């Protein structure tokens, strides 16, 4: 297995430490796998318009990763 380094803000890290029952590495692994699965579907159907095509756009991806639903995790 390959390791990666992830930078997060200190306040977020402190909050994460308060919830040691959550396996944060596994959480991030699952999020990455889910996004890759969505991208695989898009690549298999490049000419088909769908919600996954919209997810692939840079602007929508940015909103996906930086939105109110994700902000709830800042307090975890």
N, C-alpha and C. Protein backbone atom coordinates (compact mmCIF):
# COMPACT_ATOMS: atom_id res chain seq x y z
N UNK A 1 0.85 -1.17 0.00
CA UNK A 1 0.00 0.00 0.00
C UNK A 1 0.89 1.23 0.00
N UNK A 2 0.49 2.23 -0.78
CA UNK A 2 1.23 3.48 -0.87
C UNK A 2 0.68 4.48 0.14
N UNK A 3 1.57 5.25 0.71
CA UNK A 3 1.17 6.30 1.65
C UNK A 3 1.16 7.64 0.93
N UNK A 4 0.23 8.51 1.33
CA UNK A 4 0.21 9.88 0.84
C UNK A 4 0.18 10.81 2.05
N UNK A 5 0.59 12.04 1.81
CA UNK A 5 0.56 13.04 2.87
C UNK A 5 -0.57 14.01 2.57
N UNK A 6 -1.36 14.31 3.57
CA UNK A 6 -2.49 15.21 3.42
C UNK A 6 -2.31 16.37 4.38
N UNK A 7 -2.39 17.57 3.87
CA UNK A 7 -2.28 18.76 4.71
C UNK A 7 -3.67 19.23 5.09
N UNK A 8 -3.86 19.47 6.37
CA UNK A 8 -5.13 20.03 6.86
C UNK A 8 -4.80 21.12 7.87
N UNK A 9 -5.76 21.98 8.07
CA UNK A 9 -5.56 23.09 9.01
C UNK A 9 -5.50 22.56 10.44
N UNK A 10 -4.73 23.23 11.27
CA UNK A 10 -4.56 22.81 12.66
C UNK A 10 -5.87 22.66 13.43
N UNK A 11 -6.80 23.62 13.29
CA UNK A 11 -8.07 23.45 14.03
C UNK A 11 -8.84 22.20 13.61
N UNK A 12 -8.78 21.88 12.33
CA UNK A 12 -9.46 20.67 11.84
C UNK A 12 -8.80 19.44 12.45
N UNK A 13 -7.49 19.42 12.47
CA UNK A 13 -6.76 18.29 13.04
C UNK A 13 -7.10 18.12 14.52
N UNK A 14 -7.18 19.21 15.23
CA UNK A 14 -7.52 19.13 16.66
C UNK A 14 -8.91 18.54 16.85
N UNK A 15 -9.84 18.95 16.01
CA UNK A 15 -11.19 18.38 16.08
C UNK A 15 -11.17 16.88 15.75
N UNK A 16 -10.39 16.52 14.76
CA UNK A 16 -10.29 15.11 14.40
C UNK A 16 -9.78 14.28 15.58
N UNK A 17 -8.81 14.80 16.28
CA UNK A 17 -8.23 14.08 17.41
C UNK A 17 -9.24 13.86 18.53
N UNK A 18 -10.23 14.74 18.60
CA UNK A 18 -11.28 14.58 19.61
C UNK A 18 -12.18 13.40 19.31
N UNK A 19 -12.09 12.90 18.09
CA UNK A 19 -12.91 11.76 17.66
C UNK A 19 -12.02 10.62 17.19
N UNK A 20 -11.25 10.11 18.10
CA UNK A 20 -10.30 9.05 17.77
C UNK A 20 -10.99 7.74 17.41
N UNK A 21 -12.30 7.65 17.67
CA UNK A 21 -13.04 6.44 17.31
C UNK A 21 -13.23 6.33 15.79
N UNK A 22 -13.06 7.45 15.09
CA UNK A 22 -13.20 7.45 13.63
C UNK A 22 -11.84 7.15 13.02
N UNK A 23 -11.83 6.20 12.10
CA UNK A 23 -10.60 5.88 11.38
C UNK A 23 -10.51 6.82 10.18
N UNK A 24 -9.83 7.93 10.37
CA UNK A 24 -9.81 8.98 9.36
C UNK A 24 -9.17 8.53 8.06
N UNK A 25 -8.15 7.70 8.14
CA UNK A 25 -7.52 7.21 6.92
C UNK A 25 -8.51 6.41 6.09
N UNK A 26 -9.29 5.57 6.75
CA UNK A 26 -10.29 4.77 6.05
C UNK A 26 -11.38 5.67 5.46
N UNK A 27 -11.78 6.69 6.19
CA UNK A 27 -12.77 7.64 5.70
C UNK A 27 -12.30 8.29 4.40
N UNK A 28 -11.06 8.75 4.38
CA UNK A 28 -10.50 9.40 3.19
C UNK A 28 -10.34 8.39 2.06
N UNK A 29 -9.88 7.18 2.38
CA UNK A 29 -9.75 6.13 1.35
C UNK A 29 -11.08 5.87 0.66
N UNK A 30 -12.15 5.77 1.44
CA UNK A 30 -13.48 5.51 0.87
C UNK A 30 -13.94 6.67 -0.01
N UNK A 31 -13.68 7.89 0.42
CA UNK A 31 -14.07 9.06 -0.38
C UNK A 31 -13.34 9.08 -1.71
N UNK A 32 -12.06 8.75 -1.69
CA UNK A 32 -11.27 8.71 -2.92
C UNK A 32 -11.77 7.59 -3.83
N UNK A 33 -12.02 6.41 -3.27
CA UNK A 33 -12.53 5.30 -4.07
C UNK A 33 -13.87 5.64 -4.72
N UNK A 34 -14.74 6.31 -3.97
CA UNK A 34 -16.04 6.68 -4.51
C UNK A 34 -15.88 7.63 -5.69
N UNK A 35 -15.03 8.64 -5.54
CA UNK A 35 -14.82 9.60 -6.62
C UNK A 35 -14.22 8.91 -7.84
N UNK A 36 -13.27 8.00 -7.63
CA UNK A 36 -12.67 7.28 -8.76
C UNK A 36 -13.69 6.40 -9.47
N UNK A 37 -14.59 5.78 -8.73
CA UNK A 37 -15.64 4.96 -9.35
C UNK A 37 -16.53 5.83 -10.22
N UNK A 38 -16.87 7.02 -9.74
CA UNK A 38 -17.68 7.94 -10.54
C UNK A 38 -16.95 8.34 -11.81
N UNK A 39 -15.67 8.62 -11.70
CA UNK A 39 -14.88 9.01 -12.87
C UNK A 39 -14.75 7.85 -13.85
N UNK A 40 -14.63 6.63 -13.36
CA UNK A 40 -14.57 5.45 -14.24
C UNK A 40 -15.84 5.33 -15.08
N UNK A 41 -16.97 5.58 -14.45
CA UNK A 41 -18.25 5.52 -15.19
C UNK A 41 -18.27 6.57 -16.29
N UNK A 42 -17.79 7.76 -15.96
CA UNK A 42 -17.76 8.84 -16.95
C UNK A 42 -16.85 8.44 -18.13
N UNK A 43 -15.70 7.88 -17.83
CA UNK A 43 -14.76 7.49 -18.88
C UNK A 43 -15.32 6.40 -19.78
N UNK A 44 -16.14 5.52 -19.24
CA UNK A 44 -16.72 4.43 -20.03
C UNK A 44 -17.84 4.94 -20.94
N UNK A 45 -18.44 6.09 -20.61
CA UNK A 45 -19.55 6.63 -21.38
C UNK A 45 -19.26 8.11 -21.70
N UNK A 46 -18.22 8.40 -22.46
CA UNK A 46 -17.80 9.80 -22.65
C UNK A 46 -18.80 10.66 -23.41
N UNK A 47 -19.67 10.07 -24.21
CA UNK A 47 -20.59 10.86 -25.02
C UNK A 47 -21.97 10.96 -24.38
N UNK A 48 -22.14 10.36 -23.23
CA UNK A 48 -23.45 10.35 -22.58
C UNK A 48 -23.51 11.45 -21.53
N UNK A 49 -24.49 12.34 -21.68
CA UNK A 49 -24.69 13.39 -20.68
C UNK A 49 -25.35 12.77 -19.46
N UNK A 50 -24.86 13.09 -18.30
CA UNK A 50 -25.44 12.55 -17.08
C UNK A 50 -25.02 13.40 -15.90
N UNK A 51 -25.54 13.08 -14.79
CA UNK A 51 -25.16 13.78 -13.56
C UNK A 51 -23.68 13.55 -13.27
N UNK A 52 -23.16 12.39 -13.64
CA UNK A 52 -21.74 12.12 -13.40
C UNK A 52 -20.86 13.00 -14.28
N UNK A 53 -21.34 13.32 -15.48
CA UNK A 53 -20.58 14.23 -16.34
C UNK A 53 -20.48 15.59 -15.66
N UNK A 54 -21.57 16.03 -15.06
CA UNK A 54 -21.54 17.29 -14.34
C UNK A 54 -20.58 17.22 -13.17
N UNK A 55 -20.54 16.09 -12.50
CA UNK A 55 -19.64 15.94 -11.35
C UNK A 55 -18.18 16.06 -11.75
N UNK A 56 -17.89 15.77 -13.01
CA UNK A 56 -16.50 15.79 -13.46
C UNK A 56 -16.00 17.20 -13.73
N UNK A 57 -16.90 18.17 -13.86
CA UNK A 57 -16.45 19.52 -14.16
C UNK A 57 -15.70 20.10 -12.96
N UNK A 58 -14.73 20.91 -13.26
CA UNK A 58 -13.88 21.46 -12.20
C UNK A 58 -14.68 22.26 -11.18
N UNK A 59 -15.61 23.05 -11.65
CA UNK A 59 -16.39 23.88 -10.74
C UNK A 59 -17.27 23.05 -9.82
N UNK A 60 -17.89 22.02 -10.36
CA UNK A 60 -18.76 21.18 -9.54
C UNK A 60 -17.93 20.38 -8.56
N UNK A 61 -16.77 19.90 -8.99
CA UNK A 61 -15.90 19.17 -8.07
C UNK A 61 -15.49 20.07 -6.91
N UNK A 62 -15.17 21.31 -7.22
CA UNK A 62 -14.79 22.24 -6.15
C UNK A 62 -15.94 22.40 -5.16
N UNK A 63 -17.16 22.54 -5.68
CA UNK A 63 -18.31 22.68 -4.79
C UNK A 63 -18.52 21.40 -3.99
N UNK A 64 -18.28 20.24 -4.62
CA UNK A 64 -18.43 18.97 -3.92
C UNK A 64 -17.49 18.90 -2.72
N UNK A 65 -16.28 19.37 -2.90
CA UNK A 65 -15.27 19.22 -1.86
C UNK A 65 -15.27 20.39 -0.89
N UNK A 66 -15.99 21.46 -1.23
CA UNK A 66 -15.99 22.64 -0.37
C UNK A 66 -17.42 23.19 -0.30
N UNK A 67 -18.27 22.50 0.43
CA UNK A 67 -19.65 22.94 0.54
C UNK A 67 -20.14 22.81 1.98
N UNK A 68 -21.37 23.25 2.22
CA UNK A 68 -21.89 23.23 3.58
C UNK A 68 -21.97 21.83 4.16
N UNK A 69 -22.33 20.86 3.32
CA UNK A 69 -22.41 19.48 3.83
C UNK A 69 -21.05 19.01 4.31
N UNK A 70 -20.00 19.39 3.59
CA UNK A 70 -18.66 19.01 4.02
C UNK A 70 -18.21 19.81 5.24
N UNK A 71 -18.70 21.04 5.33
CA UNK A 71 -18.31 21.88 6.46
C UNK A 71 -18.74 21.29 7.80
N UNK A 72 -19.78 20.45 7.79
CA UNK A 72 -20.21 19.84 9.04
C UNK A 72 -19.11 19.00 9.66
N UNK A 73 -18.20 18.49 8.81
CA UNK A 73 -17.11 17.66 9.31
C UNK A 73 -16.07 18.50 10.04
N UNK A 74 -16.07 19.82 9.83
CA UNK A 74 -15.13 20.68 10.53
C UNK A 74 -15.37 20.65 12.03
N UNK A 75 -16.60 20.33 12.43
CA UNK A 75 -16.94 20.31 13.84
C UNK A 75 -16.85 18.92 14.46
N UNK A 76 -16.39 17.95 13.67
CA UNK A 76 -16.32 16.57 14.16
C UNK A 76 -15.08 16.39 14.98
